[in-house]
N, C-alpha and C. Protein backbone atom coordinates (compact mmCIF):
# COMPACT_ATOMS: atom_id res chain seq x y z
N MET A 1 114.53 108.85 106.47
CA MET A 1 113.82 108.96 105.22
C MET A 1 114.14 110.32 104.60
N ALA A 2 114.52 110.31 103.33
CA ALA A 2 114.88 111.53 102.62
C ALA A 2 113.66 112.14 101.94
N THR A 3 113.59 113.45 101.93
CA THR A 3 112.49 114.15 101.28
C THR A 3 112.71 114.14 99.77
N ILE A 4 111.70 113.66 99.03
CA ILE A 4 111.77 113.64 97.57
C ILE A 4 110.65 114.45 96.94
N GLY A 5 109.87 115.15 97.74
CA GLY A 5 108.80 115.94 97.18
C GLY A 5 108.25 116.95 98.14
N THR A 6 107.71 118.02 97.56
CA THR A 6 107.00 119.03 98.34
C THR A 6 105.65 119.24 97.66
N PHE A 7 104.62 119.37 98.48
CA PHE A 7 103.26 119.47 97.98
C PHE A 7 102.49 120.55 98.72
N THR A 8 101.45 121.03 98.06
CA THR A 8 100.51 121.97 98.64
C THR A 8 99.15 121.31 98.65
N GLN A 9 98.44 121.44 99.76
CA GLN A 9 97.12 120.86 99.84
C GLN A 9 96.14 121.71 99.04
N THR A 10 95.29 121.06 98.26
CA THR A 10 94.25 121.72 97.48
C THR A 10 92.90 121.12 97.87
N LYS A 11 91.83 121.65 97.31
CA LYS A 11 90.51 121.08 97.61
C LYS A 11 90.37 119.69 97.03
N ASP A 12 91.21 119.33 96.04
CA ASP A 12 91.14 118.02 95.38
C ASP A 12 92.29 117.10 95.74
N GLY A 13 93.00 117.35 96.82
CA GLY A 13 94.14 116.51 97.20
C GLY A 13 95.39 117.34 97.42
N PHE A 14 96.46 116.99 96.69
CA PHE A 14 97.74 117.68 96.83
C PHE A 14 98.37 117.86 95.45
N THR A 15 99.05 118.98 95.24
CA THR A 15 99.83 119.19 94.02
C THR A 15 101.25 119.57 94.42
N GLY A 16 102.22 119.13 93.62
CA GLY A 16 103.60 119.45 93.92
C GLY A 16 104.55 118.81 92.94
N THR A 17 105.75 118.53 93.42
CA THR A 17 106.81 117.98 92.59
C THR A 17 107.48 116.82 93.30
N ILE A 18 107.75 115.76 92.53
CA ILE A 18 108.55 114.63 93.02
C ILE A 18 109.89 114.71 92.32
N ARG A 19 110.98 114.70 93.11
CA ARG A 19 112.33 114.78 92.56
C ARG A 19 113.19 113.66 93.12
N THR A 20 113.69 112.82 92.22
CA THR A 20 114.68 111.80 92.58
C THR A 20 115.85 111.99 91.64
N LEU A 21 116.85 111.11 91.70
CA LEU A 21 117.97 111.22 90.76
C LEU A 21 117.52 111.03 89.32
N ALA A 22 116.48 110.23 89.11
CA ALA A 22 116.03 109.92 87.74
C ALA A 22 114.70 110.58 87.37
N LEU A 23 114.01 111.18 88.31
CA LEU A 23 112.66 111.69 88.06
C LEU A 23 112.53 113.10 88.60
N ASN A 24 112.00 113.99 87.80
CA ASN A 24 111.69 115.35 88.22
C ASN A 24 110.34 115.67 87.59
N ALA A 25 109.26 115.42 88.33
CA ALA A 25 107.93 115.50 87.73
C ALA A 25 106.96 116.26 88.62
N LYS A 26 106.14 117.09 87.97
CA LYS A 26 105.02 117.69 88.67
C LYS A 26 104.01 116.57 88.89
N ALA A 27 103.40 116.55 90.06
CA ALA A 27 102.51 115.44 90.40
C ALA A 27 101.29 115.93 91.16
N LYS A 28 100.24 115.13 91.08
CA LYS A 28 99.02 115.34 91.85
C LYS A 28 98.73 114.07 92.63
N ILE A 29 98.33 114.24 93.86
CA ILE A 29 97.86 113.12 94.68
C ILE A 29 96.38 113.41 94.93
N VAL A 30 95.54 112.59 94.31
CA VAL A 30 94.10 112.88 94.33
C VAL A 30 93.33 111.71 94.94
N PRO A 31 92.21 112.02 95.60
CA PRO A 31 91.39 110.93 96.16
C PRO A 31 90.93 109.99 95.05
N ASP A 32 90.89 108.70 95.36
CA ASP A 32 90.42 107.70 94.41
C ASP A 32 88.89 107.68 94.46
N GLU A 33 88.28 108.28 93.46
CA GLU A 33 86.82 108.39 93.43
C GLU A 33 86.13 107.05 93.16
N HIS A 34 86.88 106.07 92.70
CA HIS A 34 86.30 104.77 92.35
C HIS A 34 86.80 103.66 93.27
N LYS A 35 87.03 104.00 94.53
CA LYS A 35 87.53 103.02 95.51
C LYS A 35 86.55 101.86 95.59
N ALA A 36 87.02 100.68 95.21
CA ALA A 36 86.15 99.51 95.09
C ALA A 36 85.84 98.83 96.42
N ASN A 37 86.80 98.89 97.37
CA ASN A 37 86.59 98.24 98.66
C ASN A 37 87.50 98.86 99.70
N GLU A 38 87.42 98.42 100.94
CA GLU A 38 88.20 99.00 102.03
C GLU A 38 89.72 98.90 101.81
N ALA A 39 90.18 97.85 101.14
CA ALA A 39 91.62 97.66 100.93
C ALA A 39 92.14 98.47 99.74
N ALA A 40 91.26 98.98 98.90
CA ALA A 40 91.67 99.75 97.72
C ALA A 40 92.31 101.06 98.16
N PRO A 41 93.18 101.63 97.33
CA PRO A 41 93.85 102.88 97.70
C PRO A 41 92.86 104.02 97.93
N ASP A 42 93.23 104.90 98.85
CA ASP A 42 92.45 106.11 99.11
C ASP A 42 92.83 107.22 98.13
N TYR A 43 94.07 107.14 97.60
CA TYR A 43 94.59 108.16 96.69
C TYR A 43 95.27 107.51 95.49
N ARG A 44 95.35 108.27 94.40
CA ARG A 44 96.13 107.90 93.22
C ARG A 44 97.12 109.03 92.96
N VAL A 45 98.31 108.69 92.48
CA VAL A 45 99.35 109.66 92.20
C VAL A 45 99.53 109.75 90.69
N PHE A 46 99.44 110.96 90.14
CA PHE A 46 99.57 111.16 88.70
C PHE A 46 100.60 112.24 88.39
N SER A 47 101.30 112.05 87.28
CA SER A 47 102.10 113.08 86.65
C SER A 47 101.48 113.23 85.26
N GLY A 48 100.76 114.31 85.05
CA GLY A 48 99.97 114.44 83.83
C GLY A 48 98.91 113.35 83.83
N THR A 49 98.89 112.53 82.79
CA THR A 49 97.92 111.42 82.72
C THR A 49 98.53 110.09 83.11
N VAL A 50 99.81 110.08 83.49
CA VAL A 50 100.51 108.85 83.86
C VAL A 50 100.36 108.60 85.36
N GLU A 51 99.87 107.41 85.71
CA GLU A 51 99.75 107.06 87.11
C GLU A 51 101.08 106.55 87.63
N LEU A 52 101.57 107.18 88.71
CA LEU A 52 102.86 106.81 89.31
C LEU A 52 102.70 105.96 90.57
N GLY A 53 101.50 105.92 91.13
CA GLY A 53 101.36 105.16 92.36
C GLY A 53 100.02 105.32 93.02
N ALA A 54 99.95 104.82 94.24
CA ALA A 54 98.72 104.83 95.01
C ALA A 54 99.04 105.09 96.48
N GLY A 55 98.04 105.57 97.22
CA GLY A 55 98.26 105.89 98.62
C GLY A 55 97.10 105.50 99.51
N TRP A 56 97.43 105.22 100.76
CA TRP A 56 96.46 104.81 101.75
C TRP A 56 96.56 105.72 102.97
N LYS A 57 95.41 106.13 103.52
CA LYS A 57 95.39 106.94 104.74
C LYS A 57 95.87 106.09 105.90
N ARG A 58 96.75 106.64 106.70
CA ARG A 58 97.29 105.95 107.86
C ARG A 58 97.40 106.93 109.03
N THR A 59 97.57 106.38 110.22
CA THR A 59 97.80 107.17 111.42
C THR A 59 99.07 106.65 112.08
N ALA A 60 100.00 107.56 112.37
CA ALA A 60 101.24 107.17 113.04
C ALA A 60 100.93 106.60 114.41
N LYS A 61 101.64 105.56 114.76
CA LYS A 61 101.40 104.90 116.04
C LYS A 61 102.51 105.22 117.04
N ASN A 62 103.05 106.43 116.96
CA ASN A 62 104.15 106.81 117.83
C ASN A 62 103.71 107.68 118.99
N GLY A 63 102.43 107.62 119.34
CA GLY A 63 101.93 108.41 120.45
C GLY A 63 101.29 109.72 120.01
N GLU A 64 101.68 110.26 118.85
CA GLU A 64 101.13 111.51 118.37
C GLU A 64 99.77 111.34 117.70
N GLN A 65 99.50 110.15 117.15
CA GLN A 65 98.29 109.91 116.37
C GLN A 65 98.23 110.87 115.18
N ARG A 66 99.37 111.06 114.52
CA ARG A 66 99.48 111.97 113.39
C ARG A 66 99.06 111.26 112.10
N ALA A 67 98.15 111.86 111.34
CA ALA A 67 97.68 111.29 110.08
C ALA A 67 98.71 111.55 108.98
N TYR A 68 98.83 110.59 108.07
CA TYR A 68 99.70 110.73 106.91
C TYR A 68 99.16 109.84 105.80
N VAL A 69 99.74 109.95 104.61
CA VAL A 69 99.38 109.09 103.49
C VAL A 69 100.58 108.21 103.18
N SER A 70 100.39 106.89 103.22
CA SER A 70 101.42 105.92 102.87
C SER A 70 101.30 105.63 101.38
N LEU A 71 102.39 105.89 100.63
CA LEU A 71 102.37 105.77 99.17
C LEU A 71 103.30 104.68 98.67
N LYS A 72 102.89 104.04 97.60
CA LYS A 72 103.76 103.13 96.85
C LYS A 72 103.90 103.76 95.47
N LEU A 73 105.14 104.09 95.08
CA LEU A 73 105.42 104.75 93.81
C LEU A 73 106.26 103.86 92.92
N ASP A 74 106.01 103.94 91.63
CA ASP A 74 106.83 103.18 90.68
C ASP A 74 106.99 103.99 89.40
N ASP A 75 108.11 103.79 88.76
CA ASP A 75 108.45 104.47 87.52
C ASP A 75 109.44 103.56 86.79
N PRO A 76 109.42 103.51 85.47
CA PRO A 76 110.38 102.64 84.77
C PRO A 76 111.85 102.95 85.10
N SER A 77 112.14 104.15 85.56
CA SER A 77 113.52 104.48 85.92
C SER A 77 113.92 103.93 87.29
N PHE A 78 112.97 103.47 88.09
CA PHE A 78 113.28 102.90 89.41
C PHE A 78 113.61 101.42 89.24
N PRO A 79 114.62 100.91 89.94
CA PRO A 79 114.90 99.47 89.86
C PRO A 79 113.79 98.63 90.49
N GLU A 80 113.04 99.22 91.42
CA GLU A 80 111.90 98.55 92.05
C GLU A 80 111.04 99.65 92.66
N PRO A 81 109.79 99.35 93.00
CA PRO A 81 108.94 100.38 93.60
C PRO A 81 109.55 100.93 94.88
N ILE A 82 109.21 102.17 95.17
CA ILE A 82 109.63 102.77 96.44
C ILE A 82 108.40 103.10 97.26
N TYR A 83 108.59 103.22 98.54
CA TYR A 83 107.53 103.54 99.47
C TYR A 83 107.81 104.92 100.05
N ALA A 84 106.76 105.68 100.27
CA ALA A 84 106.93 107.04 100.77
C ALA A 84 105.78 107.38 101.70
N ALA A 85 105.98 108.43 102.46
CA ALA A 85 104.95 108.92 103.37
C ALA A 85 104.79 110.42 103.14
N LEU A 86 103.56 110.84 102.98
CA LEU A 86 103.24 112.25 102.80
C LEU A 86 102.75 112.79 104.12
N PHE A 87 103.53 113.72 104.70
CA PHE A 87 103.23 114.31 106.00
C PHE A 87 102.82 115.77 105.80
N GLU A 88 101.66 116.13 106.28
CA GLU A 88 101.20 117.52 106.19
C GLU A 88 101.90 118.36 107.26
N ASP A 89 102.12 119.66 106.92
CA ASP A 89 102.65 120.59 107.91
C ASP A 89 101.54 121.55 108.34
N ASP A 90 101.86 122.51 109.18
CA ASP A 90 100.85 123.41 109.71
C ASP A 90 100.48 124.55 108.77
N GLU A 91 101.21 124.72 107.68
CA GLU A 91 100.96 125.82 106.75
C GLU A 91 100.22 125.39 105.49
N GLY A 92 99.62 124.21 105.47
CA GLY A 92 98.88 123.75 104.30
C GLY A 92 99.75 123.05 103.27
N GLY A 93 101.00 122.83 103.59
CA GLY A 93 101.91 122.11 102.72
C GLY A 93 102.14 120.70 103.22
N ALA A 94 102.93 119.97 102.46
CA ALA A 94 103.26 118.60 102.86
C ALA A 94 104.60 118.22 102.24
N ARG A 95 105.30 117.30 102.89
CA ARG A 95 106.56 116.80 102.34
C ARG A 95 106.43 115.30 102.12
N LEU A 96 107.09 114.84 101.08
CA LEU A 96 107.07 113.43 100.72
C LEU A 96 108.44 112.84 101.04
N ALA A 97 108.48 111.88 101.96
CA ALA A 97 109.72 111.24 102.37
C ALA A 97 109.68 109.78 101.93
N TRP A 98 110.78 109.27 101.39
CA TRP A 98 110.79 107.93 100.81
C TRP A 98 111.61 106.95 101.63
N SER A 99 111.32 105.68 101.37
CA SER A 99 112.06 104.59 101.97
C SER A 99 112.01 103.41 101.02
N ARG A 100 113.05 102.62 100.95
CA ARG A 100 113.04 101.41 100.13
C ARG A 100 112.29 100.29 100.86
N ALA A 101 112.26 100.37 102.18
CA ALA A 101 111.63 99.32 102.98
C ALA A 101 110.11 99.38 102.84
N LYS A 102 109.51 98.23 102.68
CA LYS A 102 108.06 98.13 102.57
C LYS A 102 107.46 98.30 103.97
N PRO A 103 106.48 99.22 104.12
CA PRO A 103 105.84 99.36 105.42
C PRO A 103 105.08 98.08 105.78
N ARG A 104 104.96 97.83 107.06
CA ARG A 104 104.25 96.62 107.50
C ARG A 104 102.80 96.60 107.05
N ASP A 105 102.21 97.79 106.87
CA ASP A 105 100.80 97.84 106.49
C ASP A 105 100.61 98.14 105.01
N ALA A 106 101.65 98.03 104.19
CA ALA A 106 101.55 98.36 102.76
C ALA A 106 100.67 97.35 102.03
N SER A 107 99.91 97.87 101.11
CA SER A 107 99.04 97.02 100.29
C SER A 107 99.70 96.70 98.98
């Protein structure tokens, strides 16, 4: 999975930049304050007032039990939605890594 973004954790989620071949946007990943049910996204992704995607809290099942945010992102410049994972680091930052493959638990 290639890194397409770097973020800093804030009290309201994460702020940073998403960079692809067609997109270079400042973005915020914020908790969804209006989560309607358990299956609804935990986070929303915005660039300014434009919503780029949604995210769900997940835990890696590789023995580490590492928490991450599974994101589905879309933009008119993308041929189809992409899936990404936001992994926090130990310094309060996070990296966004993408994949074209749909995660098994994607909503």
